[in-house]
Amino acid sequence: MSGQLRASVAILLLIVCASAIAANKPCSGSKGGIAGCDGDTFLCNDGSISASKKSCSAELGLRNEARPQSLLKQANGCQCGSGNYCVGPRGGVYCLTPGGSKSYKRK
């Protein structure tokens, strides 16, 4: 491989790696971006919550936005964005998206 071709390949690899790293953000991809915070959890534009371990209120520079999150035994009242989460039969903590599917919190 010539020196110029190696340099071109190296630059191309750097661009691909940089874009892959930049795409790894809360609510990226099909989730449509960040709609806001649900306490310390990122609320995505598709109504689900992000699996990110980062604190939403700290990342977005919001103060006193973290609120206690209550855990419910029944699915009534645990819509994503409400601050309430349900506990599944195996101990998973989730909220319900506007489409009715479960969005689980990371442990």
PDB file of N, CA and C in Angstrom:
ATOM      1  N   MET A   1       0.841  -1.173   0.000  1.00  0.00           N
ATOM      2  CA  MET A   1       0.000   0.000   0.000  1.00  0.00           C
ATOM      3  C   MET A   1       0.886   1.236   0.000  1.00  0.00           C
ATOM      4  N   SER A   2       0.536   2.216  -0.808  1.00  0.00           N
ATOM      5  CA  SER A   2       1.335   3.436  -0.856  1.00  0.00           C
ATOM      6  C   SER A   2       1.050   4.286   0.384  1.00  0.00           C
ATOM      7  N   GLY A   3       1.930   5.217   0.642  1.00  0.00           N
ATOM      8  CA  GLY A   3       1.797   6.075   1.812  1.00  0.00           C
ATOM      9  C   GLY A   3       0.538   6.923   1.772  1.00  0.00           C
ATOM     10  N   GLN A   4       0.194   7.413   0.581  1.00  0.00           N
ATOM     11  CA  GLN A   4      -0.999   8.247   0.447  1.00  0.00           C
ATOM     12  C   GLN A   4      -2.267   7.423   0.672  1.00  0.00           C
ATOM     13  N   LEU A   5      -2.278   6.198   0.193  1.00  0.00           N
ATOM     14  CA  LEU A   5      -3.442   5.323   0.385  1.00  0.00           C
ATOM     15  C   LEU A   5      -3.602   4.959   1.859  1.00  0.00           C
ATOM     16  N   ARG A   6      -2.478   4.703   2.531  1.00  0.00           N
ATOM     17  CA  ARG A   6      -2.540   4.400   3.976  1.00  0.00           C
ATOM     18  C   ARG A   6      -3.100   5.573   4.756  1.00  0.00           C
ATOM     19  N   ALA A   7      -2.662   6.763   4.410  1.00  0.00           N
ATOM     20  CA  ALA A   7      -3.149   7.961   5.097  1.00  0.00           C
ATOM     21  C   ALA A   7      -4.652   8.131   4.871  1.00  0.00           C
ATOM     22  N   SER A   8      -5.109   7.875   3.645  1.00  0.00           N
ATOM     23  CA  SER A   8      -6.538   7.991   3.335  1.00  0.00           C
ATOM     24  C   SER A   8      -7.359   6.971   4.121  1.00  0.00           C
ATOM     25  N   VAL A   9      -6.858   5.736   4.202  1.00  0.00           N
ATOM     26  CA  VAL A   9      -7.548   4.698   4.965  1.00  0.00           C
ATOM     27  C   VAL A   9      -7.585   5.059   6.445  1.00  0.00           C
ATOM     28  N   ALA A  10      -6.501   5.586   6.975  1.00  0.00           N
ATOM     29  CA  ALA A  10      -6.441   5.969   8.387  1.00  0.00           C
ATOM     30  C   ALA A  10      -7.435   7.088   8.687  1.00  0.00           C
ATOM     31  N   ILE A  11      -7.532   8.052   7.801  1.00  0.00           N
ATOM     32  CA  ILE A  11      -8.478   9.163   8.000  1.00  0.00           C
ATOM     33  C   ILE A  11      -9.911   8.645   7.944  1.00  0.00           C
ATOM     34  N   LEU A  12     -10.179   7.759   7.000  1.00  0.00           N
ATOM     35  CA  LEU A  12     -11.518   7.185   6.891  1.00  0.00           C
ATOM     36  C   LEU A  12     -11.892   6.414   8.155  1.00  0.00           C
ATOM     37  N   LEU A  13     -10.960   5.646   8.700  1.00  0.00           N
ATOM     38  CA  LEU A  13     -11.222   4.908   9.943  1.00  0.00           C
ATOM     39  C   LEU A  13     -11.485   5.848  11.113  1.00  0.00           C
ATOM     40  N   LEU A  14     -10.752   6.937  11.194  1.00  0.00           N
ATOM     41  CA  LEU A  14     -10.978   7.912  12.267  1.00  0.00           C
ATOM     42  C   LEU A  14     -12.366   8.533  12.163  1.00  0.00           C
ATOM     43  N   ILE A  15     -12.798   8.838  10.952  1.00  0.00           N
ATOM     44  CA  ILE A  15     -14.121   9.431  10.767  1.00  0.00           C
ATOM     45  C   ILE A  15     -15.207   8.444  11.170  1.00  0.00           C
ATOM     46  N   VAL A  16     -15.078   7.193  10.764  1.00  0.00           N
ATOM     47  CA  VAL A  16     -16.067   6.173  11.108  1.00  0.00           C
ATOM     48  C   VAL A  16     -16.116   5.955  12.615  1.00  0.00           C
ATOM     49  N   CYS A  17     -14.956   5.865  13.260  1.00  0.00           N
ATOM     50  CA  CYS A  17     -14.927   5.657  14.720  1.00  0.00           C
ATOM     51  C   CYS A  17     -15.499   6.851  15.467  1.00  0.00           C
ATOM     52  N   ALA A  18     -15.182   8.057  15.009  1.00  0.00           N
ATOM     53  CA  ALA A  18     -15.688   9.259  15.680  1.00  0.00           C
ATOM     54  C   ALA A  18     -17.205   9.337  15.580  1.00  0.00           C
ATOM     55  N   SER A  19     -17.765   8.995  14.422  1.00  0.00           N
ATOM     56  CA  SER A  19     -19.223   9.057  14.291  1.00  0.00           C
ATOM     57  C   SER A  19     -19.895   7.960  15.115  1.00  0.00           C
ATOM     58  N   ALA A  20     -19.256   6.807  15.254  1.00  0.00           N
ATOM     59  CA  ALA A  20     -19.825   5.731  16.080  1.00  0.00           C
ATOM     60  C   ALA A  20     -19.837   6.130  17.543  1.00  0.00           C
ATOM     61  N   ILE A  21     -18.803   6.796  17.996  1.00  0.00           N
ATOM     62  CA  ILE A  21     -18.744   7.243  19.390  1.00  0.00           C
ATOM     63  C   ILE A  21     -19.768   8.347  19.623  1.00  0.00           C
ATOM     64  N   ALA A  22     -19.882   9.276  18.694  1.00  0.00           N
ATOM     65  CA  ALA A  22     -20.820  10.388  18.848  1.00  0.00           C
ATOM     66  C   ALA A  22     -22.268   9.913  18.861  1.00  0.00           C
ATOM     67  N   ALA A  23     -22.566   8.810  18.199  1.00  0.00           N
ATOM     68  CA  ALA A  23     -23.943   8.327  18.131  1.00  0.00           C
ATOM     69  C   ALA A  23     -24.384   7.638  19.411  1.00  0.00           C
ATOM     70  N   ASN A  24     -23.470   7.334  20.313  1.00  0.00           N
ATOM     71  CA  ASN A  24     -23.797   6.619  21.539  1.00  0.00           C
ATOM     72  C   ASN A  24     -24.197   7.610  22.621  1.00  0.00           C
ATOM     73  N   LYS A  25     -25.389   8.165  22.504  1.00  0.00           N
ATOM     74  CA  LYS A  25     -25.907   9.128  23.466  1.00  0.00           C
ATOM     75  C   LYS A  25     -27.267   8.646  23.946  1.00  0.00           C
ATOM     76  N   PRO A  26     -27.728   9.144  25.084  1.00  0.00           N
ATOM     77  CA  PRO A  26     -29.058   8.742  25.547  1.00  0.00           C
ATOM     78  C   PRO A  26     -30.120   9.074  24.503  1.00  0.00           C
ATOM     79  N   CYS A  27     -31.052   8.171  24.289  1.00  0.00           N
ATOM     80  CA  CYS A  27     -32.187   8.348  23.382  1.00  0.00           C
ATOM     81  C   CYS A  27     -31.778   8.521  21.927  1.00  0.00           C
ATOM     82  N   SER A  28     -30.653   7.953  21.529  1.00  0.00           N
ATOM     83  CA  SER A  28     -30.233   8.083  20.142  1.00  0.00           C
ATOM     84  C   SER A  28     -30.939   7.048  19.273  1.00  0.00           C
ATOM     85  N   GLY A  29     -30.774   7.192  17.988  1.00  0.00           N
ATOM     86  CA  GLY A  29     -31.345   6.241  17.040  1.00  0.00           C
ATOM     87  C   GLY A  29     -32.849   6.375  16.933  1.00  0.00           C
ATOM     88  N   SER A  30     -33.538   5.256  16.964  1.00  0.00           N
ATOM     89  CA  SER A  30     -34.991   5.251  16.748  1.00  0.00           C
ATOM     90  C   SER A  30     -35.774   5.877  17.901  1.00  0.00           C
ATOM     91  N   LYS A  31     -35.119   6.121  19.030  1.00  0.00           N
ATOM     92  CA  LYS A  31     -35.813   6.757  20.160  1.00  0.00           C
ATOM     93  C   LYS A  31     -36.063   8.237  19.903  1.00  0.00           C
ATOM     94  N   GLY A  32     -35.374   8.822  18.933  1.00  0.00           N
ATOM     95  CA  GLY A  32     -35.695  10.164  18.470  1.00  0.00           C
ATOM     96  C   GLY A  32     -35.117  11.327  19.252  1.00  0.00           C
ATOM     97  N   GLY A  33     -34.211  11.087  20.162  1.00  0.00           N
ATOM     98  CA  GLY A  33     -33.614  12.176  20.930  1.00  0.00           C
ATOM     99  C   GLY A  33     -34.249  12.331  22.298  1.00  0.00           C
ATOM    100  N   ILE A  34     -33.718  13.255  23.069  1.00  0.00           N
ATOM    101  CA  ILE A  34     -34.147  13.476  24.450  1.00  0.00           C
ATOM    102  C   ILE A  34     -35.327  14.438  24.486  1.00  0.00           C
ATOM    103  N   ALA A  35     -36.422  14.013  25.102  1.00  0.00           N
ATOM    104  CA  ALA A  35     -37.591  14.872  25.273  1.00  0.00           C
ATOM    105  C   ALA A  35     -37.511  15.652  26.580  1.00  0.00           C
ATOM    106  N   GLY A  36     -36.837  15.093  27.574  1.00  0.00           N
ATOM    107  CA  GLY A  36     -36.726  15.733  28.878  1.00  0.00           C
ATOM    108  C   GLY A  36     -36.261  14.731  29.913  1.00  0.00           C
ATOM    109  N   CYS A  37     -36.413  15.119  31.160  1.00  0.00           N
ATOM    110  CA  CYS A  37     -35.978  14.262  32.262  1.00  0.00           C
ATOM    111  C   CYS A  37     -37.186  13.746  33.031  1.00  0.00           C
ATOM    112  N   ASP A  38     -37.054  12.547  33.532  1.00  0.00           N
ATOM    113  CA  ASP A  38     -38.006  11.969  34.470  1.00  0.00           C
ATOM    114  C   ASP A  38     -37.191  11.671  35.713  1.00  0.00           C
ATOM    115  N   GLY A  39     -36.974  12.705  36.530  1.00  0.00           N
ATOM    116  CA  GLY A  39     -36.025  12.587  37.634  1.00  0.00           C
ATOM    117  C   GLY A  39     -34.626  12.552  37.059  1.00  0.00           C
ATOM    118  N   ASP A  40     -33.873  11.506  37.362  1.00  0.00           N
ATOM    119  CA  ASP A  40     -32.529  11.346  36.817  1.00  0.00           C
ATOM    120  C   ASP A  40     -32.515  10.515  35.542  1.00  0.00           C
ATOM    121  N   THR A  41     -33.659  10.062  35.082  1.00  0.00           N
ATOM    122  CA  THR A  41     -33.767   9.206  33.910  1.00  0.00           C
ATOM    123  C   THR A  41     -34.092  10.049  32.682  1.00  0.00           C
ATOM    124  N   PHE A  42     -33.489   9.707  31.536  1.00  0.00           N
ATOM    125  CA  PHE A  42     -33.769  10.401  30.290  1.00  0.00           C
ATOM    126  C   PHE A  42     -35.096   9.913  29.717  1.00  0.00           C
ATOM    127  N   LEU A  43     -35.996  10.823  29.403  1.00  0.00           N
ATOM    128  CA  LEU A  43     -37.249  10.511  28.731  1.00  0.00           C
ATOM    129  C   LEU A  43     -37.050  10.802  27.247  1.00  0.00           C
ATOM    130  N   CYS A  44     -37.272   9.799  26.408  1.00  0.00           N
ATOM    131  CA  CYS A  44     -37.017   9.912  24.970  1.00  0.00           C
ATOM    132  C   CYS A  44     -38.253  10.405  24.230  1.00  0.00           C
ATOM    133  N   ASN A  45     -38.037  10.914  23.015  1.00  0.00           N
ATOM    134  CA  ASN A  45     -39.141  11.439  22.204  1.00  0.00           C
ATOM    135  C   ASN A  45     -40.169  10.383  21.824  1.00  0.00           C
ATOM    136  N   ASP A  46     -39.791   9.104  21.817  1.00  0.00           N
ATOM    137  CA  ASP A  46     -40.769   8.061  21.487  1.00  0.00           C
ATOM    138  C   ASP A  46     -41.586   7.634  22.707  1.00  0.00           C
ATOM    139  N   GLY A  47     -41.357   8.280  23.848  1.00  0.00           N
ATOM    140  CA  GLY A  47     -42.124   7.989  25.059  1.00  0.00           C
ATOM    141  C   GLY A  47     -41.465   6.991  25.988  1.00  0.00           C
ATOM    142  N   SER A  48     -40.385   6.346  25.559  1.00  0.00           N
ATOM    143  CA  SER A  48     -39.700   5.370  26.405  1.00  0.00           C
ATOM    144  C   SER A  48     -38.651   6.086  27.257  1.00  0.00           C
ATOM    145  N   ILE A  49     -37.998   5.319  28.112  1.00  0.00           N
ATOM    146  CA  ILE A  49     -36.899   5.866  28.897  1.00  0.00           C
ATOM    147  C   ILE A  49     -35.595   5.273  28.386  1.00  0.00           C
ATOM    148  N   SER A  50     -34.525   6.022  28.551  1.00  0.00           N
ATOM    149  CA  SER A  50     -33.219   5.579  28.083  1.00  0.00           C
ATOM    150  C   SER A  50     -32.598   4.616  29.088  1.00  0.00           C
ATOM    151  N   ALA A  51     -31.769   3.709  28.589  1.00  0.00           N
ATOM    152  CA  ALA A  51     -31.051   2.777  29.455  1.00  0.00           C
ATOM    153  C   ALA A  51     -29.753   3.382  29.973  1.00  0.00           C
ATOM    154  N   SER A  52     -29.516   4.642  29.682  1.00  0.00           N
ATOM    155  CA  SER A  52     -28.286   5.300  30.100  1.00  0.00           C
ATOM    156  C   SER A  52     -28.171   5.329  31.621  1.00  0.00           C
ATOM    157  N   LYS A  53     -26.961   5.161  32.107  1.00  0.00           N
ATOM    158  CA  LYS A  53     -26.710   5.242  33.548  1.00  0.00           C
ATOM    159  C   LYS A  53     -26.389   6.666  33.982  1.00  0.00           C
ATOM    160  N   LYS A  54     -26.289   7.590  33.017  1.00  0.00           N
ATOM    161  CA  LYS A  54     -25.999   8.988  33.344  1.00  0.00           C
ATOM    162  C   LYS A  54     -27.219   9.634  33.989  1.00  0.00           C
ATOM    163  N   SER A  55     -26.976  10.687  34.741  1.00  0.00           N
ATOM    164  CA  SER A  55     -28.050  11.436  35.373  1.00  0.00           C
ATOM    165  C   SER A  55     -28.544  12.500  34.399  1.00  0.00           C
ATOM    166  N   CYS A  56     -29.809  12.444  34.049  1.00  0.00           N
ATOM    167  CA  CYS A  56     -30.380  13.402  33.104  1.00  0.00           C
ATOM    168  C   CYS A  56     -30.297  14.822  33.652  1.00  0.00           C
ATOM    169  N   SER A  57     -30.700  15.005  34.883  1.00  0.00           N
ATOM    170  CA  SER A  57     -30.709  16.352  35.444  1.00  0.00           C
ATOM    171  C   SER A  57     -29.301  16.929  35.524  1.00  0.00           C
ATOM    172  N   ALA A  58     -28.305  16.090  35.786  1.00  0.00           N
ATOM    173  CA  ALA A  58     -26.922  16.567  35.820  1.00  0.00           C
ATOM    174  C   ALA A  58     -26.407  16.863  34.414  1.00  0.00           C
ATOM    175  N   GLU A  59     -26.733  16.005  33.444  1.00  0.00           N
ATOM    176  CA  GLU A  59     -26.283  16.186  32.060  1.00  0.00           C
ATOM    177  C   GLU A  59     -26.881  17.435  31.428  1.00  0.00           C
ATOM    178  N   LEU A  60     -28.158  17.709  31.702  1.00  0.00           N
ATOM    179  CA  LEU A  60     -28.826  18.859  31.102  1.00  0.00           C
ATOM    180  C   LEU A  60     -28.689  20.116  31.951  1.00  0.00           C
ATOM    181  N   GLY A  61     -27.979  20.015  33.065  1.00  0.00           N
ATOM    182  CA  GLY A  61     -27.735  21.178  33.904  1.00  0.00           C
ATOM    183  C   GLY A  61     -28.946  21.646  34.687  1.00  0.00           C
ATOM    184  N   LEU A  62     -29.872  20.746  34.952  1.00  0.00           N
ATOM    185  CA  LEU A  62     -31.063  21.102  35.715  1.00  0.00           C
ATOM    186  C   LEU A  62     -30.794  20.880  37.195  1.00  0.00           C
ATOM    187  N   ARG A  63     -31.262  21.778  38.004  1.00  0.00           N
ATOM    188  CA  ARG A  63     -31.069  21.652  39.452  1.00  0.00           C
ATOM    189  C   ARG A  63     -32.399  21.307  40.115  1.00  0.00           C
ATOM    190  N   ASN A  64     -32.318  20.487  41.102  1.00  0.00           N
ATOM    191  CA  ASN A  64     -33.483  20.094  41.891  1.00  0.00           C
ATOM    192  C   ASN A  64     -34.576  19.453  41.037  1.00  0.00           C
ATOM    193  N   GLU A  65     -34.216  18.854  39.925  1.00  0.00           N
ATOM    194  CA  GLU A  65     -35.202  18.181  39.085  1.00  0.00           C
ATOM    195  C   GLU A  65     -35.393  16.725  39.500  1.00  0.00           C
ATOM    196  N   ALA A  66     -34.420  16.171  40.215  1.00  0.00           N
ATOM    197  CA  ALA A  66     -34.553  14.774  40.641  1.00  0.00           C
ATOM    198  C   ALA A  66     -35.662  14.693  41.684  1.00  0.00           C
ATOM    199  N   ARG A  67     -36.576  13.786  41.476  1.00  0.00           N
ATOM    200  CA  ARG A  67     -37.682  13.633  42.413  1.00  0.00           C
ATOM    201  C   ARG A  67     -37.749  12.176  42.840  1.00  0.00           C
ATOM    202  N   PRO A  68     -38.273  11.925  44.013  1.00  0.00           N
ATOM    203  CA  PRO A  68     -38.403  10.529  44.423  1.00  0.00           C
ATOM    204  C   PRO A  68     -39.336   9.798  43.461  1.00  0.00           C
ATOM    205  N   GLN A  69     -38.965   8.602  43.111  1.00  0.00           N
ATOM    206  CA  GLN A  69     -39.750   7.820  42.167  1.00  0.00           C
ATOM    207  C   GLN A  69     -40.429   6.690  42.916  1.00  0.00           C
ATOM    208  N   SER A  70     -41.748   6.657  42.812  1.00  0.00           N
ATOM    209  CA  SER A  70     -42.484   5.636  43.531  1.00  0.00           C
ATOM    210  C   SER A  70     -42.626   4.384  42.675  1.00  0.00           C
ATOM    211  N   LEU A  71     -42.604   3.244  43.320  1.00  0.00           N
ATOM    212  CA  LEU A  71     -42.760   1.949  42.652  1.00  0.00           C
ATOM    213  C   LEU A  71     -44.155   1.432  42.931  1.00  0.00           C
ATOM    214  N   LEU A  72     -44.848   1.061  41.869  1.00  0.00           N
ATOM    215  CA  LEU A  72     -46.221   0.585  41.981  1.00  0.00           C
ATOM    216  C   LEU A  72     -46.299  -0.903  41.696  1.00  0.00           C
ATOM    217  N   LYS A  73     -47.261  -1.574  42.290  1.00  0.00           N
ATOM    218  CA  LYS A  73     -47.465  -3.007  42.057  1.00  0.00           C
ATOM    219  C   LYS A  73     -48.326  -3.257  40.820  1.00  0.00           C
ATOM    220  N   GLN A  74     -49.168  -2.296  40.449  1.00  0.00           N
ATOM    221  CA  GLN A  74     -50.052  -2.458  39.300  1.00  0.00           C
ATOM    222  C   GLN A  74     -49.617  -1.503  38.193  1.00  0.00           C
ATOM    223  N   ALA A  75     -50.007  -1.800  36.969  1.00  0.00           N
ATOM    224  CA  ALA A  75     -49.599  -1.000  35.821  1.00  0.00           C
ATOM    225  C   ALA A  75     -50.345   0.324  35.711  1.00  0.00           C
ATOM    226  N   ASN A  76     -51.358   0.554  36.529  1.00  0.00           N
ATOM    227  CA  ASN A  76     -52.093   1.822  36.480  1.00  0.00           C
ATOM    228  C   ASN A  76     -51.222   2.940  37.027  1.00  0.00           C
ATOM    229  N   GLY A  77     -51.044   3.993  36.261  1.00  0.00           N
ATOM    230  CA  GLY A  77     -50.336   5.161  36.756  1.00  0.00           C
ATOM    231  C   GLY A  77     -48.833   5.115  36.607  1.00  0.00           C
ATOM    232  N   CYS A  78     -48.278   4.189  35.852  1.00  0.00           N
ATOM    233  CA  CYS A  78     -46.822   4.157  35.717  1.00  0.00           C
ATOM    234  C   CYS A  78     -46.396   4.479  34.280  1.00  0.00           C
ATOM    235  N   GLN A  79     -47.026   5.504  33.692  1.00  0.00           N
ATOM    236  CA  GLN A  79     -46.646   5.935  32.362  1.00  0.00           C
ATOM    237  C   GLN A  79     -45.278   6.612  32.423  1.00  0.00           C
ATOM    238  N   CYS A  80     -44.483   6.416  31.375  1.00  0.00           N
ATOM    239  CA  CYS A  80     -43.177   7.058  31.311  1.00  0.00           C
ATOM    240  C   CYS A  80     -43.363   8.576  31.370  1.00  0.00           C
ATOM    241  N   GLY A  81     -42.583   9.224  32.188  1.00  0.00           N
ATOM    242  CA  GLY A  81     -42.672  10.666  32.357  1.00  0.00           C
ATOM    243  C   GLY A  81     -43.485  11.080  33.562  1.00  0.00           C
ATOM    244  N   SER A  82     -44.184  10.134  34.179  1.00  0.00           N
ATOM    245  CA  SER A  82     -45.018  10.467  35.334  1.00  0.00           C
ATOM    246  C   SER A  82     -44.232  10.448  36.646  1.00  0.00           C
ATOM    247  N   GLY A  83     -43.029   9.861  36.608  1.00  0.00           N
ATOM    248  CA  GLY A  83     -42.246   9.720  37.832  1.00  0.00           C
ATOM    249  C   GLY A  83     -42.555   8.453  38.590  1.00  0.00           C
ATOM    250  N   ASN A  84     -43.539   7.691  38.134  1.00  0.00           N
ATOM    251  CA  ASN A  84     -43.914   6.427  38.766  1.00  0.00           C
ATOM    252  C   ASN A  84     -43.441   5.272  37.905  1.00  0.00           C
ATOM    253  N   TYR A  85     -42.990   4.220  38.546  1.00  0.00           N
ATOM    254  CA  TYR A  85     -42.532   3.020  37.855  1.00  0.00           C
ATOM    255  C   TYR A  85     -43.225   1.801  38.444  1.00  0.00           C
ATOM    256  N   CYS A  86     -43.445   0.813  37.609  1.00  0.00           N
ATOM    257  CA  CYS A  86     -44.045  -0.443  38.050  1.00  0.00           C
ATOM    258  C   CYS A  86     -42.951  -1.472  38.282  1.00  0.00           C
ATOM    259  N   VAL A  87     -43.256  -2.464  39.108  1.00  0.00           N
ATOM    260  CA  VAL A  87     -42.338  -3.568  39.359  1.00  0.00           C
ATOM    261  C   VAL A  87     -42.962  -4.817  38.767  1.00  0.00           C
ATOM    262  N   GLY A  88     -42.218  -5.468  37.874  1.00  0.00           N
ATOM    263  CA  GLY A  88     -42.701  -6.679  37.230  1.00  0.00           C
ATOM    264  C   GLY A  88     -42.621  -7.881  38.147  1.00  0.00           C
ATOM    265  N   PRO A  89     -43.131  -9.026  37.713  1.00  0.00           N
ATOM    266  CA  PRO A  89     -43.164 -10.228  38.539  1.00  0.00           C
ATOM    267  C   PRO A  89     -41.774 -10.764  38.890  1.00  0.00           C
ATOM    268  N   ARG A  90     -40.768 -10.432  38.080  1.00  0.00           N
ATOM    269  CA  ARG A  90     -39.400 -10.885  38.373  1.00  0.00           C
ATOM    270  C   ARG A  90     -38.516  -9.764  38.911  1.00  0.00           C
ATOM    271  N   GLY A  91     -39.135  -8.671  39.327  1.00  0.00           N
ATOM    272  CA  GLY A  91     -38.398  -7.587  39.963  1.00  0.00           C
ATOM    273  C   GLY A  91     -37.915  -6.496  39.028  1.00  0.00           C
ATOM    274  N   GLY A  92     -38.227  -6.563  37.742  1.00  0.00           N
ATOM    275  CA  GLY A  92     -37.830  -5.515  36.806  1.00  0.00           C
ATOM    276  C   GLY A  92     -38.640  -4.250  37.020  1.00  0.00           C
ATOM    277  N   VAL A  93     -38.005  -3.107  36.899  1.00  0.00           N
ATOM    278  CA  VAL A  93     -38.659  -1.820  37.089  1.00  0.00           C
ATOM    279  C   VAL A  93     -38.877  -1.207  35.705  1.00  0.00           C
ATOM    280  N   TYR A  94     -40.124  -0.832  35.407  1.00  0.00           N
ATOM    281  CA  TYR A  94     -40.444  -0.333  34.076  1.00  0.00           C
ATOM    282  C   TYR A  94     -41.512   0.751  34.143  1.00  0.00           C
ATOM    283  N   CYS A  95     -41.685   1.439  33.017  1.00  0.00           N
ATOM    284  CA  CYS A  95     -42.813   2.343  32.832  1.00  0.00           C
ATOM    285  C   CYS A  95     -43.468   1.987  31.506  1.00  0.00           C
ATOM    286  N   LEU A  96     -44.681   2.478  31.298  1.00  0.00           N
ATOM    287  CA  LEU A  96     -45.422   2.181  30.083  1.00  0.00           C
ATOM    288  C   LEU A  96     -45.304   3.340  29.097  1.00  0.00           C
ATOM    289  N   THR A  97     -44.917   3.042  27.862  1.00  0.00           N
ATOM    290  CA  THR A  97     -44.807   4.059  26.819  1.00  0.00           C
ATOM    291  C   THR A  97     -46.211   4.421  26.333  1.00  0.00           C
ATOM    292  N   PRO A  98     -46.351   5.517  25.584  1.00  0.00           N
ATOM    293  CA  PRO A  98     -47.671   5.866  25.055  1.00  0.00           C
ATOM    294  C   PRO A  98     -48.278   4.768  24.175  1.00  0.00           C
ATOM    295  N   GLY A  99     -47.419   3.945  23.556  1.00  0.00           N
ATOM    296  CA  GLY A  99     -47.903   2.841  22.745  1.00  0.00           C
ATOM    297  C   GLY A  99     -48.312   1.620  23.554  1.00  0.00           C
ATOM    298  N   GLY A 100     -48.105   1.654  24.865  1.00  0.00           N
ATOM    299  CA  GLY A 100     -48.507   0.557  25.732  1.00  0.00           C
ATOM    300  C   GLY A 100     -47.431  -0.484  26.004  1.00  0.00           C
ATOM    301  N   SER A 101     -46.233  -0.310  25.434  1.00  0.00           N
ATOM    302  CA  SER A 101     -45.166  -1.290  25.701  1.00  0.00           C
ATOM    303  C   SER A 101     -44.368  -0.875  26.930  1.00  0.00           C
ATOM    304  N   LYS A 102     -43.665  -1.828  27.500  1.00  0.00           N
ATOM    305  CA  LYS A 102     -42.880  -1.593  28.701  1.00  0.00           C
ATOM    306  C   LYS A 102     -41.488  -1.088  28.324  1.00  0.00           C
ATOM    307  N   SER A 103     -41.016  -0.104  29.071  1.00  0.00           N
ATOM    308  CA  SER A 103     -39.665   0.416  28.908  1.00  0.00           C
ATOM    309  C   SER A 103     -38.954   0.234  30.247  1.00  0.00           C
ATOM    310  N   TYR A 104     -37.977  -0.672  30.277  1.00  0.00           N
ATOM    311  CA  TYR A 104     -37.324  -1.052  31.536  1.00  0.00           C
ATOM    312  C   TYR A 104     -36.168  -0.140  31.891  1.00  0.00           C
ATOM    313  N   LYS A 105     -36.026   0.102  33.199  1.00  0.00           N
ATOM    314  CA  LYS A 105     -34.881   0.857  33.724  1.00  0.00           C
ATOM    315  C   LYS A 105     -33.717  -0.099  33.897  1.00  0.00           C
ATOM    316  N   ARG A 106     -32.520   0.397  33.670  1.00  0.00           N
ATOM    317  CA  ARG A 106     -31.321  -0.400  33.960  1.00  0.00           C
ATOM    318  C   ARG A 106     -31.122  -0.452  35.451  1.00  0.00           C
ATOM    319  N   LYS A 107     -30.526  -1.534  35.891  1.00  0.00           N
ATOM    320  CA  LYS A 107     -30.247  -1.670  37.336  1.00  0.00           C
ATOM    321  C   LYS A 107     -29.007  -0.931  37.707  1.00  0.00           C
TER     322      LYS A 107
END
